Amino acid sequence: MIFFITLHIYISHRCKGMKIIRTLIYSLYLLTLPIGAIARTTVDGAIDKDSQRSDSIVANYLKGTGIEITDNNSVKLLMSGHDKFVDMFECIRNAKSFVHLEYFNFRNDSIAGLLFNILTQKANEGVEVRALYDDFGNWSNNQPIKKAQHDSINNLGVKLVKFDPLKFPYVNHIIPRDHRKIVVVDGKVAYTGGMNVADYYIEGIEGIGPWRDMHMRIEGPAVNELHRIFATIWEDVTEEKIEGHKYFPQHIGNKGNKRVAIVDRAPKVSNGSIRNLFASMLDNAKHNVRIINPYFVPTHKVRKALKRAIDRGVNVEIMLSAKSDIALTPDAAFYVANNLEKRGAKVYVFNGGFHHTKAMWVDDTFCTIGSSNMDSRSLRCDYEVNTVIFNRETIDELNCMFETDMENSDLLTRDYWKKRSTWKKFTSWFGNLLTPVL
């Protein structure tokens, strides 16, 4: 074995063009190794993916696409609207320099009213407050912010702007929309996840029940990554630049032990970023995958990756909600999930309200949580942001939540599907046909 290695090194040094000879010698060297070692090594000396952990492969993939992975972050999961707003409002109250907010919508209700009261107070104290919301998102909820309220908030010192205001003929303003949820306070703390600003995150919705969702509080260098996303869209909308040490401070010391990547989707800039992330996570899963997503109608690429994972013997578990806030898309989700169940996935139907959480985790080692649904609108059209967390403690929290919610869920089986009405089966089938535009 030593002879072959020495000969290989000698020829590599003396005859750099002799690739065929080097390959033959390396092949002879491999014959001297145990079978297990051959299985873990490729001809060019690289390590086979089969011997690498899925989190390492996906981390390398993200780095290869130019996405920065930062260490020493703190990530606190906020698993209810109450937890999010209590934590975030207190953080904003303590702001010293600036508060920046980017949301799909602020519902015109008590919780948004309280937020704008706090923001107005901070603006009166000299804190810079910038807030952006999507105009389509605003009018898509049943209690939108109207012009008089918008202007009043601006007059009180809060710089409140609309992303892509709706104008005649309206239809050309439907796509793309800004579906992100980002808050940055003093460049030190960031909040992101799946929740907008509305009281139903605390009170639930009549006829549906509690609204389950997830947000995160992040401290550490990943805050700057989220803030750059906000700064970019703010400049696009207002032409005001946000830059410099004041807004992007250096994060010194350990805020925590979590590795974090921020994956942004911006139309015409990073179109495939999140669907490629989902596909990479699924394609590299070795043991298990768990998914919670309210509008589970994956694009073709993600759906294929799900099928490949199941076919490899990966334990794929998916949680859907029995009730939803919209029509058709949830029915299509049941059609997709039923087909995956036939293939070998386990599908749980959550009965404890509406699970609006958008999370996927793999092999009990890493996860992604964010604003992106598993539908064409999120993955092909809108502005979205997802956080990837490489940390087992975070996964333990997610597993605890999932397993608790399993107790309040039914398995989607063939018998369960048969009990669905003919009309529901039809709308599920029909909705699936429309998944490229849902």
Protein backbone atom coordinates (compact mmCIF):
# COMPACT_ATOMS: atom_id res chain seq x y z
CA MET A 1 0.00 0.00 0.00
CA ILE A 2 2.84 2.41 0.94
CA PHE A 3 4.53 1.54 -2.37
CA PHE A 4 1.48 2.57 -4.41
CA ILE A 5 1.04 5.81 -2.47
CA THR A 6 4.72 6.73 -2.95
CA LEU A 7 4.60 5.91 -6.64
CA HIS A 8 1.43 7.95 -7.06
CA ILE A 9 2.98 11.00 -5.40
CA TYR A 10 6.17 10.69 -7.47
CA ILE A 11 4.38 10.48 -10.80
CA SER A 12 1.99 13.26 -9.83
CA HIS A 13 4.95 15.50 -9.15
CA ARG A 14 7.03 14.55 -12.18
CA CYS A 15 4.33 14.05 -14.78
CA LYS A 16 1.36 16.30 -14.08
CA GLY A 17 -0.22 15.53 -17.42
CA MET A 18 -0.31 11.77 -16.91
CA LYS A 19 -3.83 11.59 -15.42
CA ILE A 20 -4.48 8.08 -16.80
CA ILE A 21 -1.40 6.61 -15.08
CA ARG A 22 -2.32 8.30 -11.80
CA THR A 23 -5.83 6.90 -11.98
CA LEU A 24 -4.55 3.37 -12.65
CA ILE A 25 -2.13 3.55 -9.72
CA TYR A 26 -4.84 4.94 -7.45
CA SER A 27 -7.12 2.08 -8.51
CA LEU A 28 -4.41 -0.44 -7.54
CA TYR A 29 -4.09 1.34 -4.21
CA LEU A 30 -7.83 1.03 -3.61
CA LEU A 31 -7.57 -2.73 -4.12
CA THR A 32 -5.36 -2.87 -1.03
CA LEU A 33 -7.98 -1.15 1.15
CA PRO A 34 -10.84 -2.77 3.05
CA ILE A 35 -14.17 -2.79 1.21
CA GLY A 36 -15.68 -0.30 3.70
CA ALA A 37 -12.93 2.21 3.03
CA ILE A 38 -13.46 1.94 -0.73
CA ALA A 39 -17.14 2.70 -0.25
CA ARG A 40 -16.23 5.91 1.55
CA THR A 41 -13.66 7.20 -0.95
CA THR A 42 -13.99 8.40 -4.53
CA VAL A 43 -11.37 8.11 -7.29
CA ASP A 44 -10.35 11.76 -7.00
CA GLY A 45 -9.84 11.45 -3.26
CA ALA A 46 -13.05 13.24 -2.20
CA ILE A 47 -15.26 11.87 0.57
CA ASP A 48 -18.45 10.18 -0.62
CA LYS A 49 -21.66 11.88 0.52
CA ASP A 50 -22.86 8.58 1.97
CA SER A 51 -20.29 8.92 4.74
CA GLN A 52 -21.08 12.57 5.53
CA ARG A 53 -23.80 13.84 7.80
CA SER A 54 -26.68 15.58 6.07
CA ASP A 55 -26.13 18.83 7.99
CA SER A 56 -22.53 19.03 6.74
CA ILE A 57 -23.57 18.43 3.15
CA VAL A 58 -26.29 21.08 3.26
CA ALA A 59 -23.97 23.55 5.01
CA ASN A 60 -21.40 23.05 2.23
CA TYR A 61 -24.14 23.46 -0.36
CA LEU A 62 -25.23 26.77 1.17
CA LYS A 63 -21.65 28.03 1.31
CA GLY A 64 -21.23 27.07 -2.34
CA THR A 65 -24.17 29.27 -3.28
CA GLY A 66 -22.66 32.25 -1.48
CA ILE A 67 -24.85 32.10 1.64
CA GLU A 68 -22.91 32.92 4.79
CA ILE A 69 -23.14 30.62 7.79
CA THR A 70 -22.40 32.36 11.08
CA ASP A 71 -21.50 30.89 14.46
CA ASN A 72 -22.04 32.02 18.06
CA ASN A 73 -25.69 32.94 17.59
CA SER A 74 -28.51 32.70 20.09
CA VAL A 75 -31.85 31.51 18.70
CA LYS A 76 -34.92 31.47 20.91
CA LEU A 77 -37.98 29.73 19.50
CA LEU A 78 -41.21 31.63 20.15
CA MET A 79 -43.92 29.03 19.68
CA SER A 80 -47.01 31.19 20.19
CA GLY A 81 -48.26 34.65 19.40
CA HIS A 82 -48.22 35.51 23.08
CA ASP A 83 -44.56 34.53 23.39
CA LYS A 84 -43.62 36.51 20.29
CA PHE A 85 -45.37 39.75 21.12
CA VAL A 86 -44.39 39.83 24.80
CA ASP A 87 -40.73 39.29 23.91
CA MET A 88 -40.66 41.59 20.88
CA PHE A 89 -42.59 44.47 22.45
CA GLU A 90 -40.30 44.49 25.48
CA CYS A 91 -37.25 44.51 23.21
CA ILE A 92 -38.65 47.44 21.20
CA ARG A 93 -39.43 49.35 24.41
CA ASN A 94 -35.72 49.09 25.28
CA ALA A 95 -34.51 50.26 21.84
CA LYS A 96 -31.87 53.02 21.95
CA SER A 97 -31.02 53.71 18.31
CA PHE A 98 -33.45 52.26 15.76
CA VAL A 99 -36.27 49.81 15.13
CA HIS A 100 -36.80 48.42 11.61
CA LEU A 101 -39.82 46.30 10.66
CA GLU A 102 -40.79 44.46 7.47
CA TYR A 103 -44.11 42.58 7.38
CA PHE A 104 -46.62 41.19 4.91
CA ASN A 105 -49.30 42.99 6.89
CA PHE A 106 -50.19 44.76 10.10
CA ARG A 107 -53.81 43.86 10.82
CA ASN A 108 -55.71 46.91 12.05
CA ASP A 109 -56.59 45.52 15.48
CA SER A 110 -55.62 45.78 19.14
CA ILE A 111 -52.19 44.13 18.89
CA ALA A 112 -51.09 46.27 15.92
CA GLY A 113 -52.48 49.32 17.72
CA LEU A 114 -50.34 48.53 20.74
CA LEU A 115 -47.27 48.04 18.52
CA PHE A 116 -47.70 51.40 16.78
CA ASN A 117 -48.24 53.11 20.15
CA ILE A 118 -44.89 51.71 21.33
CA LEU A 119 -43.21 52.70 18.05
CA THR A 120 -44.62 56.23 18.27
CA GLN A 121 -43.31 56.55 21.82
CA LYS A 122 -39.85 55.41 20.72
CA ALA A 123 -39.90 57.86 17.79
CA ASN A 124 -40.70 60.68 20.26
CA GLU A 125 -37.63 59.59 22.27
CA GLY A 126 -35.44 60.05 19.19
CA VAL A 127 -35.26 56.40 18.13
CA GLU A 128 -35.40 55.94 14.35
CA VAL A 129 -38.42 53.87 13.38
CA ARG A 130 -38.84 52.50 9.86
CA ALA A 131 -41.66 50.11 8.99
CA LEU A 132 -42.63 48.55 5.68
CA TYR A 133 -45.68 46.47 4.80
CA ASP A 134 -46.96 44.86 1.63
CA ASP A 135 -49.96 46.72 0.20
CA PHE A 136 -51.54 43.59 -1.26
CA GLY A 137 -50.99 41.82 2.05
CA ASN A 138 -52.64 44.74 3.80
CA TRP A 139 -55.80 44.56 1.69
CA SER A 140 -55.87 40.76 1.77
CA ASN A 141 -56.80 40.77 5.47
CA ASN A 142 -60.22 41.75 6.75
CA GLN A 143 -58.98 44.70 8.82
CA PRO A 144 -56.53 46.65 6.64
CA ILE A 145 -54.68 49.84 7.51
CA LYS A 146 -56.47 52.59 5.62
CA LYS A 147 -54.96 55.75 4.18
CA ALA A 148 -55.97 58.03 7.05
CA GLN A 149 -54.40 55.66 9.59
CA HIS A 150 -51.28 55.23 7.47
CA ASP A 151 -50.81 59.00 7.22
CA SER A 152 -51.53 59.50 10.92
CA ILE A 153 -48.81 57.00 11.91
CA ASN A 154 -46.34 58.80 9.64
CA ASN A 155 -47.24 62.16 11.15
CA LEU A 156 -46.43 60.75 14.60
CA GLY A 157 -42.81 60.10 13.62
CA VAL A 158 -42.88 56.52 12.33
CA LYS A 159 -41.61 56.18 8.74
CA LEU A 160 -44.31 53.82 7.46
CA VAL A 161 -44.19 52.85 3.78
CA LYS A 162 -46.01 50.45 1.49
CA PHE A 163 -44.28 47.93 -0.72
CA ASP A 164 -45.63 48.10 -4.29
CA PRO A 165 -48.85 50.09 -3.63
CA LEU A 166 -51.89 48.75 -5.45
CA LYS A 167 -52.78 50.83 -8.49
CA PHE A 168 -55.04 50.36 -11.49
CA PRO A 169 -55.21 47.88 -13.21
CA TYR A 170 -54.32 46.12 -9.92
CA VAL A 171 -53.73 42.68 -11.45
CA ASN A 172 -50.14 43.60 -12.31
CA HIS A 173 -49.47 44.17 -8.59
CA ILE A 174 -50.47 40.70 -7.37
CA ILE A 175 -47.05 39.12 -8.03
CA PRO A 176 -44.50 39.38 -6.51
CA ARG A 177 -45.40 40.36 -2.97
CA ASP A 178 -43.24 40.91 0.11
CA HIS A 179 -44.14 38.01 2.40
CA ARG A 180 -41.15 38.38 4.75
CA LYS A 181 -41.36 39.01 8.49
CA ILE A 182 -38.27 40.80 9.84
CA VAL A 183 -37.73 43.07 12.83
CA VAL A 184 -34.29 44.42 13.78
CA VAL A 185 -33.68 46.38 16.99
CA ASP A 186 -30.46 48.40 17.38
CA GLY A 187 -28.63 45.92 15.13
CA LYS A 188 -28.38 43.58 18.12
CA VAL A 189 -31.62 41.60 18.11
CA ALA A 190 -33.72 40.32 15.21
CA TYR A 191 -37.09 38.63 14.99
CA THR A 192 -38.19 36.52 12.05
CA GLY A 193 -40.47 33.59 11.29
CA GLY A 194 -44.04 32.98 10.19
CA MET A 195 -46.16 35.52 12.10
CA ASN A 196 -47.41 38.89 10.96
CA VAL A 197 -48.94 41.34 13.46
CA ALA A 198 -52.52 40.44 14.42
CA ASP A 199 -54.53 39.58 17.51
CA TYR A 200 -55.64 36.19 16.14
CA TYR A 201 -52.13 34.88 16.85
CA ILE A 202 -53.15 35.18 20.50
CA GLU A 203 -56.93 34.85 20.43
CA GLY A 204 -57.41 32.37 17.59
CA ILE A 205 -60.15 32.52 14.97
CA GLU A 206 -63.81 31.71 15.47
CA GLY A 207 -64.71 28.46 13.75
CA ILE A 208 -61.07 27.43 13.42
CA GLY A 209 -59.70 27.60 16.93
CA PRO A 210 -56.21 28.52 18.17
CA TRP A 211 -53.70 29.83 15.65
CA ARG A 212 -50.45 27.91 16.03
CA ASP A 213 -47.33 29.53 14.63
CA MET A 214 -43.62 30.05 15.23
CA HIS A 215 -41.21 32.95 15.37
CA MET A 216 -37.60 33.36 16.48
CA ARG A 217 -35.55 35.84 18.45
CA ILE A 218 -31.97 35.90 17.13
CA GLU A 219 -28.89 37.53 18.62
CA GLY A 220 -25.40 37.37 17.12
CA PRO A 221 -23.85 37.88 13.68
CA ALA A 222 -26.93 36.46 11.89
CA VAL A 223 -28.75 39.67 12.84
CA ASN A 224 -26.69 41.58 10.27
CA GLU A 225 -27.68 39.10 7.57
CA LEU A 226 -31.37 39.73 8.24
CA HIS A 227 -30.80 43.47 8.46
CA ARG A 228 -29.12 43.55 5.04
CA ILE A 229 -32.28 42.05 3.56
CA PHE A 230 -34.39 44.78 5.14
CA ALA A 231 -31.93 47.51 4.10
CA THR A 232 -32.01 46.33 0.48
CA ILE A 233 -35.78 46.42 0.08
CA TRP A 234 -36.03 49.67 2.07
CA GLU A 235 -33.63 51.33 -0.37
CA ASP A 236 -35.56 49.90 -3.33
CA VAL A 237 -38.80 51.41 -2.02
CA THR A 238 -37.59 54.71 -0.51
CA GLU A 239 -34.14 55.30 -2.11
CA GLU A 240 -32.78 55.79 1.43
CA LYS A 241 -29.55 53.92 2.13
CA ILE A 242 -29.07 52.16 5.46
CA GLU A 243 -25.39 51.49 6.00
CA GLY A 244 -22.51 51.91 8.42
CA HIS A 245 -21.44 50.63 11.82
CA LYS A 246 -24.48 52.11 13.54
CA TYR A 247 -26.79 49.81 11.63
CA PHE A 248 -24.41 46.87 11.18
CA PRO A 249 -22.35 46.61 14.36
CA GLN A 250 -19.64 44.00 14.79
CA HIS A 251 -20.91 41.18 16.96
CA ILE A 252 -18.13 40.36 19.41
CA GLY A 253 -18.25 37.43 21.78
CA ASN A 254 -20.51 34.43 21.99
CA LYS A 255 -24.23 35.14 22.07
CA GLY A 256 -24.90 31.42 21.87
CA ASN A 257 -23.79 28.13 20.37
CA LYS A 258 -25.91 28.01 17.24
CA ARG A 259 -24.78 28.03 13.63
CA VAL A 260 -27.21 29.95 11.49
CA ALA A 261 -27.71 30.64 7.79
CA ILE A 262 -30.20 33.17 6.45
CA VAL A 263 -31.69 32.15 3.10
CA ASP A 264 -33.38 35.00 1.29
CA ARG A 265 -35.61 34.77 -1.74
CA ALA A 266 -35.76 37.90 -3.86
CA PRO A 267 -37.38 37.74 -7.32
CA LYS A 268 -34.88 38.05 -10.21
CA VAL A 269 -32.01 37.89 -7.70
CA SER A 270 -32.30 34.56 -5.87
CA ASN A 271 -35.37 32.96 -7.43
CA GLY A 272 -34.61 29.35 -6.56
CA SER A 273 -32.92 29.83 -3.19
CA ILE A 274 -35.58 28.40 -0.87
CA ARG A 275 -36.92 25.64 -3.10
CA ASN A 276 -33.32 24.56 -3.74
CA LEU A 277 -32.74 24.59 0.02
CA PHE A 278 -35.78 22.38 0.58
CA ALA A 279 -34.70 19.99 -2.17
CA SER A 280 -31.14 19.80 -0.83
CA MET A 281 -32.36 19.04 2.68
CA LEU A 282 -34.62 16.27 1.40
CA ASP A 283 -32.09 14.80 -1.03
CA ASN A 284 -29.43 14.55 1.66
CA ALA A 285 -31.62 13.25 4.47
CA LYS A 286 -30.32 9.95 5.84
CA HIS A 287 -32.79 8.96 8.56
CA ASN A 288 -35.80 11.20 9.11
CA VAL A 289 -37.61 14.31 7.95
CA ARG A 290 -40.39 16.17 9.73
CA ILE A 291 -42.44 18.89 8.05
CA ILE A 292 -45.11 21.28 9.27
CA ASN A 293 -46.48 23.65 6.65
CA PRO A 294 -49.95 25.18 6.34
CA TYR A 295 -50.15 25.20 2.52
CA PHE A 296 -48.42 21.97 1.56
CA VAL A 297 -48.52 21.97 -2.25
CA PRO A 298 -44.81 21.67 -3.11
CA THR A 299 -43.40 22.65 -6.47
CA HIS A 300 -42.31 19.88 -8.82
CA LYS A 301 -38.68 19.98 -7.68
CA VAL A 302 -39.53 19.71 -3.98
CA ARG A 303 -42.18 17.06 -4.60
CA LYS A 304 -39.67 14.93 -6.50
CA ALA A 305 -37.16 15.29 -3.68
CA LEU A 306 -39.80 14.17 -1.17
CA LYS A 307 -40.51 11.07 -3.23
CA ARG A 308 -36.82 10.25 -3.53
CA ALA A 309 -36.39 10.56 0.23
CA ILE A 310 -39.29 8.19 0.87
CA ASP A 311 -37.99 5.73 -1.71
CA ARG A 312 -34.58 5.72 0.01
CA GLY A 313 -36.24 4.57 3.21
CA VAL A 314 -36.10 7.93 5.01
CA ASN A 315 -38.83 8.25 7.62
CA VAL A 316 -40.84 11.22 6.31
CA GLU A 317 -43.51 12.67 8.63
CA ILE A 318 -45.78 15.54 7.60
CA MET A 319 -48.27 17.47 9.72
CA LEU A 320 -51.24 19.24 8.12
CA SER A 321 -54.14 21.05 9.76
CA ALA A 322 -57.70 19.77 9.65
CA LYS A 323 -58.90 23.40 9.42
CA SER A 324 -57.52 26.36 7.50
CA ASP A 325 -58.04 30.08 6.96
CA ILE A 326 -58.42 29.79 3.18
CA ALA A 327 -60.11 27.49 0.67
CA LEU A 328 -58.80 25.13 -2.03
CA THR A 329 -55.07 25.15 -1.21
CA PRO A 330 -55.56 23.05 1.97
CA ASP A 331 -57.67 20.58 -0.03
CA ALA A 332 -54.89 20.32 -2.60
CA ALA A 333 -52.47 19.74 0.28
CA PHE A 334 -54.51 16.72 1.38
CA TYR A 335 -54.36 15.31 -2.16
CA VAL A 336 -50.56 15.67 -2.26
CA ALA A 337 -50.17 14.27 1.25
CA ASN A 338 -52.43 11.32 0.50
CA ASN A 339 -50.27 10.34 -2.48
CA LEU A 340 -47.13 10.62 -0.34
CA GLU A 341 -48.78 8.48 2.34
CA LYS A 342 -49.39 5.77 -0.25
CA ARG A 343 -45.70 5.96 -1.10
CA GLY A 344 -44.64 5.52 2.54
CA ALA A 345 -44.82 8.85 4.36
CA LYS A 346 -46.67 9.29 7.63
CA VAL A 347 -49.16 12.16 7.54
CA TYR A 348 -50.75 13.60 10.69
CA VAL A 349 -53.89 15.74 10.57
CA PHE A 350 -53.73 18.26 13.42
CA ASN A 351 -57.06 18.91 15.16
CA GLY A 352 -55.98 21.55 17.68
CA GLY A 353 -56.66 24.62 15.52
CA PHE A 354 -54.75 25.97 12.55
CA HIS A 355 -51.04 25.06 12.44
CA HIS A 356 -49.52 27.93 10.45
CA THR A 357 -45.95 26.93 11.37
CA LYS A 358 -43.52 26.69 8.46
CA ALA A 359 -40.71 24.35 9.52
CA MET A 360 -38.76 21.34 8.28
CA TRP A 361 -36.03 19.45 10.12
CA VAL A 362 -33.77 16.61 9.05
CA ASP A 363 -31.91 13.79 10.83
CA ASP A 364 -32.37 15.50 14.23
CA THR A 365 -29.44 17.80 13.42
CA PHE A 366 -30.68 20.89 11.54
CA CYS A 367 -33.85 22.69 10.51
CA THR A 368 -35.30 25.58 8.57
CA ILE A 369 -38.00 27.90 9.92
CA GLY A 370 -39.30 30.96 8.15
CA SER A 371 -41.93 32.79 6.15
CA SER A 372 -41.97 30.46 3.15
CA ASN A 373 -44.88 28.17 2.51
CA MET A 374 -44.41 25.01 0.47
CA ASP A 375 -46.35 26.38 -2.48
CA SER A 376 -45.61 27.98 -5.82
CA ARG A 377 -46.34 31.48 -4.64
CA SER A 378 -43.68 31.35 -1.92
CA LEU A 379 -41.15 29.28 -3.84
CA ARG A 380 -41.48 30.94 -7.26
CA CYS A 381 -42.94 34.42 -6.80
CA ASP A 382 -42.72 36.26 -3.48
CA TYR A 383 -40.03 37.80 -1.31
CA GLU A 384 -39.39 35.30 1.51
CA VAL A 385 -36.78 34.61 4.18
CA ASN A 386 -35.96 31.36 5.96
CA THR A 387 -33.50 30.67 8.75
CA VAL A 388 -31.45 27.46 8.80
CA ILE A 389 -30.32 26.41 12.27
CA PHE A 390 -27.63 23.77 12.79
CA ASN A 391 -28.24 22.81 16.40
CA ARG A 392 -29.56 19.68 18.14
CA GLU A 393 -31.07 21.61 21.05
CA THR A 394 -33.32 23.48 18.64
CA ILE A 395 -34.33 20.19 17.01
CA ASP A 396 -35.16 18.75 20.43
CA GLU A 397 -37.60 21.63 20.96
CA LEU A 398 -39.19 21.03 17.56
CA ASN A 399 -39.47 17.29 18.19
CA CYS A 400 -41.10 17.92 21.55
CA MET A 401 -43.67 20.20 19.89
CA PHE A 402 -44.30 17.73 17.06
CA GLU A 403 -44.77 14.77 19.34
CA THR A 404 -47.10 16.72 21.63
CA ASP A 405 -49.17 17.78 18.63
CA MET A 406 -49.27 14.19 17.37
CA GLU A 407 -51.43 13.39 20.40
CA ASN A 408 -54.04 15.81 19.05
CA SER A 409 -53.85 14.52 15.48
CA ASP A 410 -55.26 11.75 13.30
CA LEU A 411 -53.20 9.65 10.94
CA LEU A 412 -54.08 10.20 7.30
CA THR A 413 -54.75 6.62 6.25
CA ARG A 414 -56.66 5.08 3.36
CA ASP A 415 -59.68 4.74 5.63
CA TYR A 416 -59.39 8.40 6.62
CA TRP A 417 -59.27 9.41 2.95
CA LYS A 418 -62.27 7.24 2.06
CA LYS A 419 -64.36 9.01 4.71
CA ARG A 420 -63.82 12.38 3.03
CA SER A 421 -66.85 13.49 1.05
CA THR A 422 -66.98 13.16 -2.72
CA TRP A 423 -66.95 16.94 -2.96
CA LYS A 424 -63.84 17.20 -0.79
CA LYS A 425 -62.08 14.58 -2.89
CA PHE A 426 -63.01 16.51 -6.02
CA THR A 427 -61.77 19.86 -4.67
CA SER A 428 -58.56 18.13 -3.55
CA TRP A 429 -58.01 16.71 -7.04
CA PHE A 430 -58.94 19.98 -8.72
CA GLY A 431 -56.77 22.02 -6.35
CA ASN A 432 -53.80 19.78 -7.13
CA LEU A 433 -54.18 20.64 -10.82
CA LEU A 434 -53.78 24.30 -9.89
CA THR A 435 -50.71 23.88 -7.67
CA PRO A 436 -48.42 25.64 -10.21
CA VAL A 437 -50.36 28.86 -9.50
CA LEU A 438 -51.46 28.40 -5.87
